[in-house]
PDB file of N, CA and C in Angstrom:
ATOM      1  N   MET A   1      94.553 124.863  97.320  1.00  0.00           N
ATOM      2  CA  MET A   1      95.927 124.477  97.056  1.00  0.00           C
ATOM      3  C   MET A   1      95.953 122.988  96.722  1.00  0.00           C
ATOM      4  N   ASN A   2      96.742 122.653  95.729  1.00  0.00           N
ATOM      5  CA  ASN A   2      96.893 121.273  95.285  1.00  0.00           C
ATOM      6  C   ASN A   2      98.275 120.781  95.742  1.00  0.00           C
ATOM      7  N   PRO A   3      98.335 119.749  96.587  1.00  0.00           N
ATOM      8  CA  PRO A   3      99.630 119.296  97.115  1.00  0.00           C
ATOM      9  C   PRO A   3     100.596 118.824  96.030  1.00  0.00           C
ATOM     10  N   ILE A   4     100.082 118.258  94.969  1.00  0.00           N
ATOM     11  CA  ILE A   4     100.958 117.791  93.884  1.00  0.00           C
ATOM     12  C   ILE A   4     101.623 118.986  93.209  1.00  0.00           C
ATOM     13  N   ASN A   5     100.857 120.033  92.949  1.00  0.00           N
ATOM     14  CA  ASN A   5     101.439 121.240  92.355  1.00  0.00           C
ATOM     15  C   ASN A   5     102.465 121.868  93.275  1.00  0.00           C
ATOM     16  N   GLU A   6     102.199 121.837  94.574  1.00  0.00           N
ATOM     17  CA  GLU A   6     103.115 122.430  95.537  1.00  0.00           C
ATOM     18  C   GLU A   6     104.424 121.636  95.595  1.00  0.00           C
ATOM     19  N   ILE A   7     104.341 120.327  95.508  1.00  0.00           N
ATOM     20  CA  ILE A   7     105.560 119.504  95.479  1.00  0.00           C
ATOM     21  C   ILE A   7     106.356 119.836  94.213  1.00  0.00           C
ATOM     22  N   THR A   8     105.671 119.994  93.114  1.00  0.00           N
ATOM     23  CA  THR A   8     106.325 120.321  91.847  1.00  0.00           C
ATOM     24  C   THR A   8     107.106 121.629  91.948  1.00  0.00           C
ATOM     25  N   LYS A   9     106.581 122.577  92.677  1.00  0.00           N
ATOM     26  CA  LYS A   9     107.242 123.883  92.828  1.00  0.00           C
ATOM     27  C   LYS A   9     108.607 123.778  93.511  1.00  0.00           C
ATOM     28  N   VAL A  10     108.771 122.808  94.388  1.00  0.00           N
ATOM     29  CA  VAL A  10     110.041 122.667  95.131  1.00  0.00           C
ATOM     30  C   VAL A  10     110.853 121.454  94.684  1.00  0.00           C
ATOM     31  N   ALA A  11     110.419 120.802  93.629  1.00  0.00           N
ATOM     32  CA  ALA A  11     111.052 119.560  93.170  1.00  0.00           C
ATOM     33  C   ALA A  11     112.537 119.728  92.895  1.00  0.00           C
ATOM     34  N   ASP A  12     112.943 120.884  92.448  1.00  0.00           N
ATOM     35  CA  ASP A  12     114.361 121.083  92.122  1.00  0.00           C
ATOM     36  C   ASP A  12     115.244 121.160  93.367  1.00  0.00           C
ATOM     37  N   ARG A  13     114.639 121.220  94.543  1.00  0.00           N
ATOM     38  CA  ARG A  13     115.410 121.297  95.787  1.00  0.00           C
ATOM     39  C   ARG A  13     115.340 119.998  96.593  1.00  0.00           C
ATOM     40  N   ILE A  14     114.786 118.965  95.985  1.00  0.00           N
ATOM     41  CA  ILE A  14     114.663 117.657  96.637  1.00  0.00           C
ATOM     42  C   ILE A  14     115.530 116.666  95.864  1.00  0.00           C
ATOM     43  N   PRO A  15     116.326 115.853  96.543  1.00  0.00           N
ATOM     44  CA  PRO A  15     117.154 114.863  95.833  1.00  0.00           C
ATOM     45  C   PRO A  15     116.302 113.974  94.938  1.00  0.00           C
ATOM     46  N   LEU A  16     116.862 113.633  93.798  1.00  0.00           N
ATOM     47  CA  LEU A  16     116.125 112.857  92.801  1.00  0.00           C
ATOM     48  C   LEU A  16     115.546 111.566  93.370  1.00  0.00           C
ATOM     49  N   GLU A  17     116.317 110.860  94.177  1.00  0.00           N
ATOM     50  CA  GLU A  17     115.829 109.592  94.748  1.00  0.00           C
ATOM     51  C   GLU A  17     114.583 109.811  95.606  1.00  0.00           C
ATOM     52  N   ALA A  18     114.599 110.842  96.432  1.00  0.00           N
ATOM     53  CA  ALA A  18     113.446 111.140  97.282  1.00  0.00           C
ATOM     54  C   ALA A  18     112.259 111.582  96.437  1.00  0.00           C
ATOM     55  N   LEU A  19     112.528 112.369  95.413  1.00  0.00           N
ATOM     56  CA  LEU A  19     111.453 112.827  94.538  1.00  0.00           C
ATOM     57  C   LEU A  19     110.823 111.654  93.789  1.00  0.00           C
ATOM     58  N   ARG A  20     111.649 110.746  93.336  1.00  0.00           N
ATOM     59  CA  ARG A  20     111.108 109.544  92.648  1.00  0.00           C
ATOM     60  C   ARG A  20     110.240 108.731  93.586  1.00  0.00           C
ATOM     61  N   ASP A  21     110.664 108.608  94.838  1.00  0.00           N
ATOM     62  CA  ASP A  21     109.887 107.862  95.828  1.00  0.00           C
ATOM     63  C   ASP A  21     108.528 108.535  96.049  1.00  0.00           C
ATOM     64  N   LYS A  22     108.531 109.852  96.217  1.00  0.00           N
ATOM     65  CA  LYS A  22     107.275 110.584  96.415  1.00  0.00           C
ATOM     66  C   LYS A  22     106.372 110.409  95.197  1.00  0.00           C
ATOM     67  N   ASN A  23     106.961 110.515  94.020  1.00  0.00           N
ATOM     68  CA  ASN A  23     106.193 110.364  92.786  1.00  0.00           C
ATOM     69  C   ASN A  23     105.557 108.972  92.695  1.00  0.00           C
ATOM     70  N   ALA A  24     106.347 107.950  93.000  1.00  0.00           N
ATOM     71  CA  ALA A  24     105.829 106.585  92.929  1.00  0.00           C
ATOM     72  C   ALA A  24     104.697 106.363  93.931  1.00  0.00           C
ATOM     73  N   CYS A  25     104.875 106.862  95.147  1.00  0.00           N
ATOM     74  CA  CYS A  25     103.835 106.705  96.170  1.00  0.00           C
ATOM     75  C   CYS A  25     102.543 107.395  95.764  1.00  0.00           C
ATOM     76  N   ILE A  26     102.655 108.619  95.292  1.00  0.00           N
ATOM     77  CA  ILE A  26     101.465 109.385  94.911  1.00  0.00           C
ATOM     78  C   ILE A  26     100.819 108.777  93.670  1.00  0.00           C
ATOM     79  N   THR A  27     101.628 108.355  92.698  1.00  0.00           N
ATOM     80  CA  THR A  27     101.089 107.729  91.489  1.00  0.00           C
ATOM     81  C   THR A  27     100.319 106.460  91.837  1.00  0.00           C
ATOM     82  N   ASP A  28     100.897 105.633  92.696  1.00  0.00           N
ATOM     83  CA  ASP A  28     100.214 104.402  93.118  1.00  0.00           C
ATOM     84  C   ASP A  28      98.906 104.729  93.845  1.00  0.00           C
ATOM     85  N   TRP A  29      98.940 105.746  94.671  1.00  0.00           N
ATOM     86  CA  TRP A  29      97.755 106.157  95.412  1.00  0.00           C
ATOM     87  C   TRP A  29      96.635 106.580  94.452  1.00  0.00           C
ATOM     88  N   LEU A  30      96.985 107.416  93.494  1.00  0.00           N
ATOM     89  CA  LEU A  30      95.990 107.883  92.529  1.00  0.00           C
ATOM     90  C   LEU A  30      95.478 106.739  91.659  1.00  0.00           C
ATOM     91  N   ALA A  31      96.376 105.835  91.237  1.00  0.00           N
ATOM     92  CA  ALA A  31      95.972 104.702  90.415  1.00  0.00           C
ATOM     93  C   ALA A  31      95.031 103.770  91.171  1.00  0.00           C
ATOM     94  N   GLY A  32      95.173 103.738  92.479  1.00  0.00           N
ATOM     95  CA  GLY A  32      94.319 102.895  93.310  1.00  0.00           C
ATOM     96  C   GLY A  32      92.983 103.531  93.653  1.00  0.00           C
ATOM     97  N   GLY A  33      92.731 104.701  93.118  1.00  0.00           N
ATOM     98  CA  GLY A  33      91.435 105.350  93.350  1.00  0.00           C
ATOM     99  C   GLY A  33      91.475 106.519  94.318  1.00  0.00           C
ATOM    100  N   GLY A  34      92.668 106.837  94.816  1.00  0.00           N
ATOM    101  CA  GLY A  34      92.789 107.968  95.723  1.00  0.00           C
ATOM    102  C   GLY A  34      92.657 109.294  94.987  1.00  0.00           C
ATOM    103  N   ASN A  35      92.463 110.341  95.744  1.00  0.00           N
ATOM    104  CA  ASN A  35      92.333 111.684  95.184  1.00  0.00           C
ATOM    105  C   ASN A  35      93.581 112.499  95.467  1.00  0.00           C
ATOM    106  N   HIS A  36      93.793 113.516  94.637  1.00  0.00           N
ATOM    107  CA  HIS A  36      94.995 114.345  94.783  1.00  0.00           C
ATOM    108  C   HIS A  36      94.996 115.146  96.079  1.00  0.00           C
ATOM    109  N   ASP A  37      93.853 115.321  96.690  1.00  0.00           N
ATOM    110  CA  ASP A  37      93.816 116.128  97.916  1.00  0.00           C
ATOM    111  C   ASP A  37      93.528 115.293  99.175  1.00  0.00           C
ATOM    112  N   ASP A  38      93.758 113.994  99.084  1.00  0.00           N
ATOM    113  CA  ASP A  38      93.598 113.119 100.247  1.00  0.00           C
ATOM    114  C   ASP A  38      94.711 113.384 101.267  1.00  0.00           C
ATOM    115  N   PRO A  39      94.463 113.077 102.520  1.00  0.00           N
ATOM    116  CA  PRO A  39      95.490 113.264 103.563  1.00  0.00           C
ATOM    117  C   PRO A  39      96.813 112.571 103.235  1.00  0.00           C
ATOM    118  N   TYR A  40      96.751 111.442 102.589  1.00  0.00           N
ATOM    119  CA  TYR A  40      97.978 110.721 102.220  1.00  0.00           C
ATOM    120  C   TYR A  40      98.874 111.563 101.315  1.00  0.00           C
ATOM    121  N   VAL A  41      98.280 112.234 100.355  1.00  0.00           N
ATOM    122  CA  VAL A  41      99.054 113.071  99.434  1.00  0.00           C
ATOM    123  C   VAL A  41      99.591 114.299 100.171  1.00  0.00           C
ATOM    124  N   TRP A  42      98.766 114.864 101.057  1.00  0.00           N
ATOM    125  CA  TRP A  42      99.228 115.999 101.866  1.00  0.00           C
ATOM    126  C   TRP A  42     100.418 115.609 102.727  1.00  0.00           C
ATOM    127  N   GLN A  43     100.442 114.364 103.206  1.00  0.00           N
ATOM    128  CA  GLN A  43     101.569 113.874 103.996  1.00  0.00           C
ATOM    129  C   GLN A  43     102.864 113.961 103.182  1.00  0.00           C
ATOM    130  N   HIS A  44     102.797 113.594 101.925  1.00  0.00           N
ATOM    131  CA  HIS A  44     103.969 113.663 101.062  1.00  0.00           C
ATOM    132  C   HIS A  44     104.363 115.125 100.793  1.00  0.00           C
ATOM    133  N   PHE A  45     103.397 115.980 100.696  1.00  0.00           N
ATOM    134  CA  PHE A  45     103.684 117.405 100.551  1.00  0.00           C
ATOM    135  C   PHE A  45     104.426 117.933 101.776  1.00  0.00           C
ATOM    136  N   ARG A  46     103.955 117.565 102.964  1.00  0.00           N
ATOM    137  CA  ARG A  46     104.615 118.020 104.192  1.00  0.00           C
ATOM    138  C   ARG A  46     106.051 117.519 104.264  1.00  0.00           C
ATOM    139  N   TYR A  47     106.287 116.300 103.809  1.00  0.00           N
ATOM    140  CA  TYR A  47     107.646 115.769 103.746  1.00  0.00           C
ATOM    141  C   TYR A  47     108.502 116.673 102.858  1.00  0.00           C
ATOM    142  N   ALA A  48     108.020 116.974 101.669  1.00  0.00           N
ATOM    143  CA  ALA A  48     108.760 117.826 100.736  1.00  0.00           C
ATOM    144  C   ALA A  48     109.021 119.195 101.348  1.00  0.00           C
ATOM    145  N   GLN A  49     108.028 119.736 102.000  1.00  0.00           N
ATOM    146  CA  GLN A  49     108.165 121.030 102.653  1.00  0.00           C
ATOM    147  C   GLN A  49     109.249 121.000 103.732  1.00  0.00           C
ATOM    148  N   ARG A  50     109.224 119.968 104.564  1.00  0.00           N
ATOM    149  CA  ARG A  50     110.229 119.830 105.617  1.00  0.00           C
ATOM    150  C   ARG A  50     111.620 119.661 105.032  1.00  0.00           C
ATOM    151  N   PHE A  51     111.716 118.870 103.978  1.00  0.00           N
ATOM    152  CA  PHE A  51     113.013 118.643 103.367  1.00  0.00           C
ATOM    153  C   PHE A  51     113.601 119.955 102.874  1.00  0.00           C
ATOM    154  N   VAL A  52     112.807 120.736 102.207  1.00  0.00           N
ATOM    155  CA  VAL A  52     113.291 122.015 101.680  1.00  0.00           C
ATOM    156  C   VAL A  52     113.667 122.958 102.820  1.00  0.00           C
ATOM    157  N   LYS A  53     112.857 122.977 103.861  1.00  0.00           N
ATOM    158  CA  LYS A  53     113.120 123.866 105.002  1.00  0.00           C
ATOM    159  C   LYS A  53     114.369 123.429 105.771  1.00  0.00           C
ATOM    160  N   GLU A  54     114.491 122.134 106.037  1.00  0.00           N
ATOM    161  CA  GLU A  54     115.578 121.618 106.863  1.00  0.00           C
ATOM    162  C   GLU A  54     116.784 121.156 106.059  1.00  0.00           C
ATOM    163  N   GLY A  55     116.560 120.884 104.771  1.00  0.00           N
ATOM    164  CA  GLY A  55     117.662 120.440 103.928  1.00  0.00           C
ATOM    165  C   GLY A  55     118.072 119.001 104.132  1.00  0.00           C
ATOM    166  N   ASN A  56     117.161 118.180 104.676  1.00  0.00           N
ATOM    167  CA  ASN A  56     117.475 116.766 104.851  1.00  0.00           C
ATOM    168  C   ASN A  56     116.199 115.941 104.811  1.00  0.00           C
ATOM    169  N   GLU A  57     116.371 114.616 104.847  1.00  0.00           N
ATOM    170  CA  GLU A  57     115.205 113.726 104.801  1.00  0.00           C
ATOM    171  C   GLU A  57     114.653 113.474 106.175  1.00  0.00           C
TER     172      GLU A  57
END
């Protein structure tokens, strides 16, 4: 499973501001040499998952 793809699947249920923040954080991480499956990226996936489940930030 790829956390970035999983975030994309639920992107339409996350407020734009929060989605932009997640995108910026992950983009910066990858640009700095991080990998798409690092724990940091999974952390952002879990945030997205919780938001969709609970309906809040």
